[in-house]
Structure formats: C-alpha cells, structure tokens
Amino acid sequence: MKIFNCHSHTRNSLDSEAVPEKMTAAAVNCGLFGYAITDHIDCDPCMFDYNDAIIEGTAADAAEQKRLHPEIKIFSGVEVAEAILSAEYEKRILNAKDWDIVMGSVHSVQMEGWTQFFSGIDFTSWDDELTERYLLQYFSDLEQTAKYTDYDSLSHLTVPLRYIIHKYGKKVDISVFEKKITSILQAVIERGKSLELNTSGYCGSDPFFMPDEVIMKKYLSLGGTDFTIGSDAHLPEKMGCGLDAGIKLLLSLGVTRLNYYEKRKKISYNILEDNSK
C-alpha cells in the first residue's frame, strides 16, 4: 500500500510545536513513502506580521529534512487560508519560495461580527438560524476560494463541522448547503484541482472524515477523479491519523489512485502498489 501524506504542520504554524525531525521519523514509522510540510499562511491582515517567518522556516525545515532523509520523499508547501481577501498577497506568498504543494482552505468566515478563526468560537449558545447563516457564509467563502484562488488541493471541505457538531454537539442538516457544496466540487473538477480527503478527525471517539462519504460520492458522480489524502497532523503522533481508514474508504468507492505534488506538478500514484515501486 502506498500513501503520501499531503498535509502536515510543524513548529512554523502558530498552532503547532512539532519538531520537523520528529515528524519525519513519524512518517517513516507510519510506512509513508512521502509527506509534505504545509504550514499555515493566512491572508488575513492580522497574520501578516507572522507570515514572513513562517515562510522562511517552512522552506528551510523542509529542505533540511529532504537532505537528511533521502529514504522518504519530503516536500515543502503551504496551506493558504482566506486567499479571497487578497489575490495580490496570495501571489506574494506563492512566489516567495519554490513550493511543491499549495493547500487551499478557509479558517475564518467573512461574516460581520464573527470573522475570527472558527476554531476559537464557542458555538454552545448559537441557535439554528445563526448556525445555518454562518455555515452558508463559510461555504460561500470556500466556493470563492475554489473558483478563483491559486491552490493545488482544496482542504478539509467541511471543517467547521469539526467544532459545531463534533466539539459542541450541535445538529446540522448539511443537505441545506448542497447547492453550494456542488458548486465547490464542480469548481475543483473544472479547474483540474484535487479534493483532499482529510483524515484528522478519525482518531477520536467520534471518528469522521472531511468531507464525509456522501460528499465524496457526490464528487465522483460529478466526474471528479483527483484526490489527495492528508492527516493534517500538528503532532508527530498524529502523522498517520486516519490514513489507513481513509484509504479503505477510497477503495470502497472504487478510487485506486491519489495525487501528490512536486514543484506544483500533479503526480498520480496507485495506492495498491508496494512502496518500493
């Protein structure tokens, strides 16, 4: 079985303290044939003071790991969030280094009064109307991201549900957003991008994928064929989180090929092959 983990974070991301050497050791121990360091770069102006150091640190750490560990593919990348806020700033980020992969994502919703990172919002007291309005804005922001920003793989499509449902126990009828989700998937397909199966939610007591099986099937029914897989690990012990289960899901859907990216070139591989090939 071959797996390339396209999504991981290190000490350069503000929400991680992971040492790159330990992330590489974890990737080797998990039997991966490669992984990408994709630290967070947010286009929100509140993050501008941090981003230059993140860019330099990510590129340097990935290069050092690549030099020290020829036994495994190690690539450098970025997870660019809120790129819809500034195409010019996004271009600056992407031109700063010779990145291998760019993950596109949304971490804060452009809704008046609630523009902070949704990972820091307490959704406990939210009623159904506010929750639905917030999620509609999220999917609208992600739709704009999918259609108009520069990325290789669209990351964790349903990520607000990690908090709204799985942390705060709110009930959400995801079918309400089907039109937006369909538009997002169509944009990924039409632009020749990849859809990420994010497995970071699979290691707890309430395992879930982002997106879930229903949305994965929708993507396939629309003609989608390009996928990446990523554990979104922020700690070495999370490097392999859910990857085997994610591969099992993909195989059950008839998907046998995944993508990774080198110098932003899409490379397809057969997940059923042995790592030595």
C-alpha atoms as a PDB file:
ATOM      1  CA  MET A   1       0.000   0.000   0.000  1.00  0.00           C
ATOM      2  CA  LYS A   2       1.318   3.461  -0.954  1.00  0.00           C
ATOM      3  CA  ILE A   3       0.371   6.628   0.914  1.00  0.00           C
ATOM      4  CA  PHE A   4       1.713  10.149   0.514  1.00  0.00           C
ATOM      5  CA  ASN A   5       0.526  12.471   3.286  1.00  0.00           C
ATOM      6  CA  CYS A   6      -0.024  15.836   1.597  1.00  0.00           C
ATOM      7  CA  HIS A   7      -0.981  17.817   4.708  1.00  0.00           C
ATOM      8  CA  SER A   8       1.029  18.310   7.907  1.00  0.00           C
ATOM      9  CA  HIS A   9       2.133  21.148  10.180  1.00  0.00           C
ATOM     10  CA  THR A  10       5.266  21.897  12.178  1.00  0.00           C
ATOM     11  CA  ARG A  11       6.549  24.453  14.671  1.00  0.00           C
ATOM     12  CA  ASN A  12       6.298  27.120  11.970  1.00  0.00           C
ATOM     13  CA  SER A  13       2.497  27.018  12.199  1.00  0.00           C
ATOM     14  CA  LEU A  14       1.225  29.058  15.126  1.00  0.00           C
ATOM     15  CA  ASP A  15      -0.942  26.150  16.294  1.00  0.00           C
ATOM     16  CA  SER A  16       1.839  23.536  16.300  1.00  0.00           C
ATOM     17  CA  GLU A  17       5.089  22.918  18.159  1.00  0.00           C
ATOM     18  CA  ALA A  18       6.045  19.826  16.176  1.00  0.00           C
ATOM     19  CA  VAL A  19       9.762  19.420  15.502  1.00  0.00           C
ATOM     20  CA  PRO A  20      10.337  18.571  11.816  1.00  0.00           C
ATOM     21  CA  GLU A  21      12.806  15.760  12.591  1.00  0.00           C
ATOM     22  CA  LYS A  22      10.166  14.037  14.721  1.00  0.00           C
ATOM     23  CA  MET A  23       7.547  14.490  12.013  1.00  0.00           C
ATOM     24  CA  THR A  24       9.863  12.782   9.535  1.00  0.00           C
ATOM     25  CA  ALA A  25      10.536   9.917  11.959  1.00  0.00           C
ATOM     26  CA  ALA A  26       6.792   9.518  12.431  1.00  0.00           C
ATOM     27  CA  ALA A  27       6.215   9.465   8.663  1.00  0.00           C
ATOM     28  CA  VAL A  28       8.837   6.744   8.241  1.00  0.00           C
ATOM     29  CA  ASN A  29       7.357   4.742  11.131  1.00  0.00           C
ATOM     30  CA  CYS A  30       3.908   5.004   9.541  1.00  0.00           C
ATOM     31  CA  GLY A  31       5.248   3.463   6.343  1.00  0.00           C
ATOM     32  CA  LEU A  32       4.556   6.527   4.215  1.00  0.00           C
ATOM     33  CA  PHE A  33       6.551   6.925   1.026  1.00  0.00           C
ATOM     34  CA  GLY A  34       6.389  10.688   1.437  1.00  0.00           C
ATOM     35  CA  TYR A  35       4.845  13.673   3.148  1.00  0.00           C
ATOM     36  CA  ALA A  36       4.577  17.421   2.695  1.00  0.00           C
ATOM     37  CA  ILE A  37       5.112  20.113   5.309  1.00  0.00           C
ATOM     38  CA  THR A  38       2.274  22.561   4.673  1.00  0.00           C
ATOM     39  CA  ASP A  39       2.398  25.180   7.394  1.00  0.00           C
ATOM     40  CA  HIS A  40      -0.355  27.769   7.786  1.00  0.00           C
ATOM     41  CA  ILE A  41      -0.192  31.031   5.888  1.00  0.00           C
ATOM     42  CA  ASP A  42      -3.308  33.160   6.375  1.00  0.00           C
ATOM     43  CA  CYS A  43      -4.151  36.094   4.132  1.00  0.00           C
ATOM     44  CA  ASP A  44      -5.994  37.818   6.965  1.00  0.00           C
ATOM     45  CA  PRO A  45      -4.147  41.089   7.736  1.00  0.00           C
ATOM     46  CA  CYS A  46      -3.952  40.126  11.415  1.00  0.00           C
ATOM     47  CA  MET A  47      -1.470  37.420  10.398  1.00  0.00           C
ATOM     48  CA  PHE A  48       0.827  39.494   8.181  1.00  0.00           C
ATOM     49  CA  ASP A  49       3.375  40.103  10.949  1.00  0.00           C
ATOM     50  CA  TYR A  50       3.900  36.346  11.359  1.00  0.00           C
ATOM     51  CA  ASN A  51       3.865  35.124   7.779  1.00  0.00           C
ATOM     52  CA  ASP A  52       7.383  36.007   6.614  1.00  0.00           C
ATOM     53  CA  ALA A  53       8.946  33.979   9.428  1.00  0.00           C
ATOM     54  CA  ILE A  54       6.582  31.068   8.690  1.00  0.00           C
ATOM     55  CA  ILE A  55       7.507  31.091   5.010  1.00  0.00           C
ATOM     56  CA  GLU A  56      11.253  31.088   5.724  1.00  0.00           C
ATOM     57  CA  GLY A  57      11.001  28.467   8.468  1.00  0.00           C
ATOM     58  CA  THR A  58       8.843  26.070   6.478  1.00  0.00           C
ATOM     59  CA  ALA A  59      11.042  26.194   3.392  1.00  0.00           C
ATOM     60  CA  ALA A  60      14.259  25.801   5.407  1.00  0.00           C
ATOM     61  CA  ASP A  61      12.965  22.934   7.537  1.00  0.00           C
ATOM     62  CA  ALA A  62      11.589  21.017   4.560  1.00  0.00           C
ATOM     63  CA  ALA A  63      14.870  21.443   2.680  1.00  0.00           C
ATOM     64  CA  GLU A  64      16.872  20.203   5.664  1.00  0.00           C
ATOM     65  CA  GLN A  65      14.638  17.168   6.172  1.00  0.00           C
ATOM     66  CA  LYS A  66      14.859  16.361   2.479  1.00  0.00           C
ATOM     67  CA  ARG A  67      18.660  16.485   2.660  1.00  0.00           C
ATOM     68  CA  LEU A  68      18.867  14.377   5.837  1.00  0.00           C
ATOM     69  CA  HIS A  69      16.313  11.728   4.810  1.00  0.00           C
ATOM     70  CA  PRO A  70      16.659  10.554   1.205  1.00  0.00           C
ATOM     71  CA  GLU A  71      14.783   7.374   2.148  1.00  0.00           C
ATOM     72  CA  ILE A  72      11.456   9.239   2.054  1.00  0.00           C
ATOM     73  CA  LYS A  73      10.031  11.957  -0.181  1.00  0.00           C
ATOM     74  CA  ILE A  74       9.724  15.230   1.742  1.00  0.00           C
ATOM     75  CA  PHE A  75       8.199  18.249   0.070  1.00  0.00           C
ATOM     76  CA  SER A  76       7.555  21.832   1.077  1.00  0.00           C
ATOM     77  CA  GLY A  77       4.217  23.532   0.830  1.00  0.00           C
ATOM     78  CA  VAL A  78       1.783  25.938   2.402  1.00  0.00           C
ATOM     79  CA  GLU A  79      -1.821  25.862   3.488  1.00  0.00           C
ATOM     80  CA  VAL A  80      -3.114  29.224   2.326  1.00  0.00           C
ATOM     81  CA  ALA A  81      -6.289  30.380   4.036  1.00  0.00           C
ATOM     82  CA  GLU A  82      -8.537  33.342   3.277  1.00  0.00           C
ATOM     83  CA  ALA A  83      -6.843  33.894  -0.087  1.00  0.00           C
ATOM     84  CA  ILE A  84     -10.092  35.526  -1.248  1.00  0.00           C
ATOM     85  CA  LEU A  85      -9.169  38.550   0.869  1.00  0.00           C
ATOM     86  CA  SER A  86      -6.203  39.499  -1.284  1.00  0.00           C
ATOM     87  CA  ALA A  87      -5.139  37.968  -4.576  1.00  0.00           C
ATOM     88  CA  GLU A  88      -2.044  40.183  -4.517  1.00  0.00           C
ATOM     89  CA  TYR A  89      -0.953  38.957  -1.101  1.00  0.00           C
ATOM     90  CA  GLU A  90      -1.620  35.342  -2.079  1.00  0.00           C
ATOM     91  CA  LYS A  91       0.574  35.799  -5.143  1.00  0.00           C
ATOM     92  CA  ARG A  92       3.345  37.175  -2.933  1.00  0.00           C
ATOM     93  CA  ILE A  93       3.174  34.088  -0.708  1.00  0.00           C
ATOM     94  CA  LEU A  94       3.242  31.666  -3.610  1.00  0.00           C
ATOM     95  CA  ASN A  95       6.129  33.457  -5.318  1.00  0.00           C
ATOM     96  CA  ALA A  96       8.185  33.645  -2.119  1.00  0.00           C
ATOM     97  CA  LYS A  97       9.510  30.083  -2.438  1.00  0.00           C
ATOM     98  CA  ASP A  98       9.571  27.217  -4.900  1.00  0.00           C
ATOM     99  CA  TRP A  99       6.716  25.363  -3.205  1.00  0.00           C
ATOM    100  CA  ASP A 100       5.738  21.818  -4.088  1.00  0.00           C
ATOM    101  CA  ILE A 101       2.095  21.943  -2.998  1.00  0.00           C
ATOM    102  CA  VAL A 102      -0.447  24.598  -2.066  1.00  0.00           C
ATOM    103  CA  MET A 103      -3.460  23.637   0.020  1.00  0.00           C
ATOM    104  CA  GLY A 104      -6.426  25.994  -0.264  1.00  0.00           C
ATOM    105  CA  SER A 105      -8.645  26.488   2.772  1.00  0.00           C
ATOM    106  CA  VAL A 106     -10.883  28.771   4.826  1.00  0.00           C
ATOM    107  CA  HIS A 107     -10.318  29.164   8.577  1.00  0.00           C
ATOM    108  CA  SER A 108     -12.277  32.323   9.304  1.00  0.00           C
ATOM    109  CA  VAL A 109     -15.649  33.268   7.861  1.00  0.00           C
ATOM    110  CA  GLN A 110     -16.307  36.678   6.360  1.00  0.00           C
ATOM    111  CA  MET A 111     -19.468  37.315   8.356  1.00  0.00           C
ATOM    112  CA  GLU A 112     -19.877  40.554  10.256  1.00  0.00           C
ATOM    113  CA  GLY A 113     -19.245  40.065  13.957  1.00  0.00           C
ATOM    114  CA  TRP A 114     -17.754  36.583  13.505  1.00  0.00           C
ATOM    115  CA  THR A 115     -14.593  36.976  11.452  1.00  0.00           C
ATOM    116  CA  GLN A 116     -12.232  35.375  13.966  1.00  0.00           C
ATOM    117  CA  PHE A 117     -10.910  31.846  13.392  1.00  0.00           C
ATOM    118  CA  PHE A 118     -13.863  29.496  13.865  1.00  0.00           C
ATOM    119  CA  SER A 119     -11.646  27.130  15.878  1.00  0.00           C
ATOM    120  CA  GLY A 120     -11.820  29.736  18.651  1.00  0.00           C
ATOM    121  CA  ILE A 121     -15.586  30.311  18.605  1.00  0.00           C
ATOM    122  CA  ASP A 122     -17.795  28.816  21.319  1.00  0.00           C
ATOM    123  CA  PHE A 123     -20.869  27.638  19.403  1.00  0.00           C
ATOM    124  CA  THR A 124     -22.695  26.427  22.526  1.00  0.00           C
ATOM    125  CA  SER A 125     -25.353  29.142  22.634  1.00  0.00           C
ATOM    126  CA  TRP A 126     -25.866  29.542  18.897  1.00  0.00           C
ATOM    127  CA  ASP A 127     -29.392  28.930  17.631  1.00  0.00           C
ATOM    128  CA  ASP A 128     -30.156  27.093  14.401  1.00  0.00           C
ATOM    129  CA  GLU A 129     -30.664  30.283  12.388  1.00  0.00           C
ATOM    130  CA  LEU A 130     -27.275  31.763  13.287  1.00  0.00           C
ATOM    131  CA  THR A 131     -25.502  28.439  12.763  1.00  0.00           C
ATOM    132  CA  GLU A 132     -27.095  28.000   9.337  1.00  0.00           C
ATOM    133  CA  ARG A 133     -26.250  31.567   8.329  1.00  0.00           C
ATOM    134  CA  TYR A 134     -22.662  31.103   9.460  1.00  0.00           C
ATOM    135  CA  LEU A 135     -22.216  27.845   7.560  1.00  0.00           C
ATOM    136  CA  LEU A 136     -23.799  29.312   4.441  1.00  0.00           C
ATOM    137  CA  GLN A 137     -21.213  32.094   4.569  1.00  0.00           C
ATOM    138  CA  TYR A 138     -18.448  29.541   5.102  1.00  0.00           C
ATOM    139  CA  PHE A 139     -19.460  27.545   2.034  1.00  0.00           C
ATOM    140  CA  SER A 140     -19.802  30.790   0.060  1.00  0.00           C
ATOM    141  CA  ASP A 141     -16.258  31.762   1.059  1.00  0.00           C
ATOM    142  CA  LEU A 142     -14.989  28.299   0.160  1.00  0.00           C
ATOM    143  CA  GLU A 143     -16.838  28.473  -3.164  1.00  0.00           C
ATOM    144  CA  GLN A 144     -14.978  31.701  -3.988  1.00  0.00           C
ATOM    145  CA  THR A 145     -11.738  30.030  -2.868  1.00  0.00           C
ATOM    146  CA  ALA A 146     -12.376  27.008  -5.084  1.00  0.00           C
ATOM    147  CA  LYS A 147     -13.263  29.125  -8.101  1.00  0.00           C
ATOM    148  CA  TYR A 148     -10.790  31.973  -8.016  1.00  0.00           C
ATOM    149  CA  THR A 149      -7.711  31.365  -5.849  1.00  0.00           C
ATOM    150  CA  ASP A 150      -4.466  29.574  -6.675  1.00  0.00           C
ATOM    151  CA  TYR A 151      -4.206  26.163  -4.996  1.00  0.00           C
ATOM    152  CA  ASP A 152      -3.470  22.543  -5.832  1.00  0.00           C
ATOM    153  CA  SER A 153      -5.750  20.703  -3.407  1.00  0.00           C
ATOM    154  CA  LEU A 154      -8.852  22.038  -1.653  1.00  0.00           C
ATOM    155  CA  SER A 155      -8.523  21.192   2.014  1.00  0.00           C
ATOM    156  CA  HIS A 156     -10.986  19.838   4.636  1.00  0.00           C
ATOM    157  CA  LEU A 157     -14.159  20.963   2.864  1.00  0.00           C
ATOM    158  CA  THR A 158     -16.458  20.631   5.899  1.00  0.00           C
ATOM    159  CA  VAL A 159     -14.011  21.723   8.608  1.00  0.00           C
ATOM    160  CA  PRO A 160     -16.366  23.997  10.641  1.00  0.00           C
ATOM    161  CA  LEU A 161     -18.371  20.868  11.461  1.00  0.00           C
ATOM    162  CA  ARG A 162     -15.355  19.628  13.423  1.00  0.00           C
ATOM    163  CA  TYR A 163     -16.285  22.239  16.007  1.00  0.00           C
ATOM    164  CA  ILE A 164     -20.008  22.840  15.521  1.00  0.00           C
ATOM    165  CA  ILE A 165     -21.001  19.158  15.523  1.00  0.00           C
ATOM    166  CA  HIS A 166     -18.123  17.154  16.951  1.00  0.00           C
ATOM    167  CA  LYS A 167     -16.989  19.566  19.677  1.00  0.00           C
ATOM    168  CA  TYR A 168     -20.157  21.427  20.632  1.00  0.00           C
ATOM    169  CA  GLY A 169     -22.757  18.788  19.770  1.00  0.00           C
ATOM    170  CA  LYS A 170     -24.932  20.965  17.541  1.00  0.00           C
ATOM    171  CA  LYS A 171     -27.177  19.327  14.965  1.00  0.00           C
ATOM    172  CA  VAL A 172     -26.675  20.428  11.364  1.00  0.00           C
ATOM    173  CA  ASP A 173     -28.615  19.450   8.254  1.00  0.00           C
ATOM    174  CA  ILE A 174     -25.783  19.501   5.753  1.00  0.00           C
ATOM    175  CA  SER A 175     -28.221  18.977   2.855  1.00  0.00           C
ATOM    176  CA  VAL A 176     -29.246  22.632   3.248  1.00  0.00           C
ATOM    177  CA  PHE A 177     -25.898  23.568   1.702  1.00  0.00           C
ATOM    178  CA  GLU A 178     -25.969  21.038  -1.141  1.00  0.00           C
ATOM    179  CA  LYS A 179     -26.124  23.678  -3.885  1.00  0.00           C
ATOM    180  CA  LYS A 180     -23.026  25.446  -2.562  1.00  0.00           C
ATOM    181  CA  ILE A 181     -21.151  22.205  -1.980  1.00  0.00           C
ATOM    182  CA  THR A 182     -21.958  21.048  -5.512  1.00  0.00           C
ATOM    183  CA  SER A 183     -20.658  24.346  -6.896  1.00  0.00           C
ATOM    184  CA  ILE A 184     -17.437  23.918  -4.895  1.00  0.00           C
ATOM    185  CA  LEU A 185     -16.906  20.390  -6.187  1.00  0.00           C
ATOM    186  CA  GLN A 186     -17.613  21.454  -9.764  1.00  0.00           C
ATOM    187  CA  ALA A 187     -15.031  24.237  -9.472  1.00  0.00           C
ATOM    188  CA  VAL A 188     -12.397  21.769  -8.259  1.00  0.00           C
ATOM    189  CA  ILE A 189     -13.167  19.485 -11.201  1.00  0.00           C
ATOM    190  CA  GLU A 190     -13.346  22.201 -13.857  1.00  0.00           C
ATOM    191  CA  ARG A 191     -10.044  23.724 -12.765  1.00  0.00           C
ATOM    192  CA  GLY A 192      -8.226  20.370 -12.655  1.00  0.00           C
ATOM    193  CA  LYS A 193      -7.507  20.635  -8.938  1.00  0.00           C
ATOM    194  CA  SER A 194      -7.592  17.890  -6.295  1.00  0.00           C
ATOM    195  CA  LEU A 195     -10.053  17.366  -3.466  1.00  0.00           C
ATOM    196  CA  GLU A 196      -8.462  16.489  -0.144  1.00  0.00           C
ATOM    197  CA  LEU A 197      -9.739  13.637   1.990  1.00  0.00           C
ATOM    198  CA  ASN A 198      -8.741  14.997   5.381  1.00  0.00           C
ATOM    199  CA  THR A 199      -8.481  12.237   7.979  1.00  0.00           C
ATOM    200  CA  SER A 200      -7.576  14.319  11.036  1.00  0.00           C
ATOM    201  CA  GLY A 201     -10.962  13.729  12.669  1.00  0.00           C
ATOM    202  CA  TYR A 202     -10.715   9.965  12.574  1.00  0.00           C
ATOM    203  CA  CYS A 203      -8.638   9.328  15.691  1.00  0.00           C
ATOM    204  CA  GLY A 204     -11.094  10.310  18.417  1.00  0.00           C
ATOM    205  CA  SER A 205     -14.130   8.616  19.958  1.00  0.00           C
ATOM    206  CA  ASP A 206     -16.376  10.119  17.262  1.00  0.00           C
ATOM    207  CA  PRO A 207     -14.464   9.421  14.035  1.00  0.00           C
ATOM    208  CA  PHE A 208     -15.246  11.457  10.911  1.00  0.00           C
ATOM    209  CA  PHE A 209     -13.733  12.453   7.593  1.00  0.00           C
ATOM    210  CA  MET A 210     -13.696  15.885   5.954  1.00  0.00           C
ATOM    211  CA  PRO A 211     -15.556  15.698   3.647  1.00  0.00           C
ATOM    212  CA  ASP A 212     -17.711  12.708   4.529  1.00  0.00           C
ATOM    213  CA  GLU A 213     -18.572   9.737   2.346  1.00  0.00           C
ATOM    214  CA  VAL A 214     -21.749  11.362   0.998  1.00  0.00           C
ATOM    215  CA  ILE A 215     -19.828  14.350  -0.371  1.00  0.00           C
ATOM    216  CA  MET A 216     -17.076  12.089  -1.686  1.00  0.00           C
ATOM    217  CA  LYS A 217     -19.689  10.144  -3.645  1.00  0.00           C
ATOM    218  CA  LYS A 218     -21.137  13.416  -4.940  1.00  0.00           C
ATOM    219  CA  TYR A 219     -17.705  14.470  -6.183  1.00  0.00           C
ATOM    220  CA  LEU A 220     -17.285  11.171  -8.001  1.00  0.00           C
ATOM    221  CA  SER A 221     -20.776  11.381  -9.511  1.00  0.00           C
ATOM    222  CA  LEU A 222     -19.928  14.821 -10.909  1.00  0.00           C
ATOM    223  CA  GLY A 223     -16.881  13.362 -12.635  1.00  0.00           C
ATOM    224  CA  GLY A 224     -14.252  14.124 -10.014  1.00  0.00           C
ATOM    225  CA  THR A 225     -11.185  11.904 -10.167  1.00  0.00           C
ATOM    226  CA  ASP A 226      -8.413  13.825  -8.415  1.00  0.00           C
ATOM    227  CA  PHE A 227      -7.799  13.323  -4.692  1.00  0.00           C
ATOM    228  CA  THR A 228      -5.086  13.924  -2.145  1.00  0.00           C
ATOM    229  CA  ILE A 229      -5.093  12.470   1.345  1.00  0.00           C
ATOM    230  CA  GLY A 230      -3.794  14.199   4.439  1.00  0.00           C
ATOM    231  CA  SER A 231      -3.813  13.657   8.177  1.00  0.00           C
ATOM    232  CA  ASP A 232      -3.407  17.399   8.866  1.00  0.00           C
ATOM    233  CA  ALA A 233      -1.041  16.358  11.652  1.00  0.00           C
ATOM    234  CA  HIS A 234       0.099  19.033  14.106  1.00  0.00           C
ATOM    235  CA  LEU A 235       1.955  16.483  16.264  1.00  0.00           C
ATOM    236  CA  PRO A 236       4.215  13.551  15.302  1.00  0.00           C
ATOM    237  CA  GLU A 237       1.840  11.048  16.889  1.00  0.00           C
ATOM    238  CA  LYS A 238      -0.925  12.287  14.565  1.00  0.00           C
ATOM    239  CA  MET A 239       1.040  11.795  11.350  1.00  0.00           C
ATOM    240  CA  GLY A 240      -0.771   8.596  10.441  1.00  0.00           C
ATOM    241  CA  CYS A 241      -4.130   9.541  11.964  1.00  0.00           C
ATOM    242  CA  GLY A 242      -6.935   8.010   9.917  1.00  0.00           C
ATOM    243  CA  LEU A 243      -4.869   7.435   6.788  1.00  0.00           C
ATOM    244  CA  ASP A 244      -5.471   3.687   6.655  1.00  0.00           C
ATOM    245  CA  ALA A 245      -9.201   4.208   7.255  1.00  0.00           C
ATOM    246  CA  GLY A 246      -9.241   6.886   4.574  1.00  0.00           C
ATOM    247  CA  ILE A 247      -7.601   4.538   2.081  1.00  0.00           C
ATOM    248  CA  LYS A 248     -10.194   1.888   2.965  1.00  0.00           C
ATOM    249  CA  LEU A 249     -12.986   4.386   2.253  1.00  0.00           C
ATOM    250  CA  LEU A 250     -11.439   5.401  -1.059  1.00  0.00           C
ATOM    251  CA  LEU A 251     -11.069   1.796  -2.171  1.00  0.00           C
ATOM    252  CA  SER A 252     -14.697   1.107  -1.242  1.00  0.00           C
ATOM    253  CA  LEU A 253     -15.664   3.951  -3.594  1.00  0.00           C
ATOM    254  CA  GLY A 254     -13.584   2.493  -6.405  1.00  0.00           C
ATOM    255  CA  VAL A 255     -10.748   5.027  -6.063  1.00  0.00           C
ATOM    256  CA  THR A 256      -7.320   3.458  -6.511  1.00  0.00           C
ATOM    257  CA  ARG A 257      -5.242   6.488  -7.490  1.00  0.00           C
ATOM    258  CA  LEU A 258      -4.248   9.532  -5.462  1.00  0.00           C
ATOM    259  CA  ASN A 259      -2.147  12.605  -6.185  1.00  0.00           C
ATOM    260  CA  TYR A 260       0.795  14.329  -4.610  1.00  0.00           C
ATOM    261  CA  TYR A 261       2.543  17.409  -5.973  1.00  0.00           C
ATOM    262  CA  GLU A 262       6.166  18.203  -6.728  1.00  0.00           C
ATOM    263  CA  LYS A 263       7.054  21.737  -7.829  1.00  0.00           C
ATOM    264  CA  ARG A 264       3.285  22.150  -8.107  1.00  0.00           C
ATOM    265  CA  LYS A 265       3.067  19.426 -10.728  1.00  0.00           C
ATOM    266  CA  LYS A 266       0.367  16.829 -10.133  1.00  0.00           C
ATOM    267  CA  ILE A 267       1.734  13.300  -9.810  1.00  0.00           C
ATOM    268  CA  SER A 268      -0.666  10.363  -9.721  1.00  0.00           C
ATOM    269  CA  TYR A 269       0.134   7.093  -7.988  1.00  0.00           C
ATOM    270  CA  ASN A 270      -1.580   3.750  -7.435  1.00  0.00           C
ATOM    271  CA  ILE A 271      -2.321   3.249  -3.742  1.00  0.00           C
ATOM    272  CA  LEU A 272      -2.358  -0.522  -4.244  1.00  0.00           C
ATOM    273  CA  GLU A 273       1.288  -0.637  -5.297  1.00  0.00           C
ATOM    274  CA  ASP A 274       4.095  -1.552  -2.950  1.00  0.00           C
ATOM    275  CA  ASN A 275       6.074   1.382  -1.530  1.00  0.00           C
ATOM    276  CA  SER A 276       9.213   0.125  -3.258  1.00  0.00           C
ATOM    277  CA  LYS A 277       7.786   0.926  -6.702  1.00  0.00           C
END
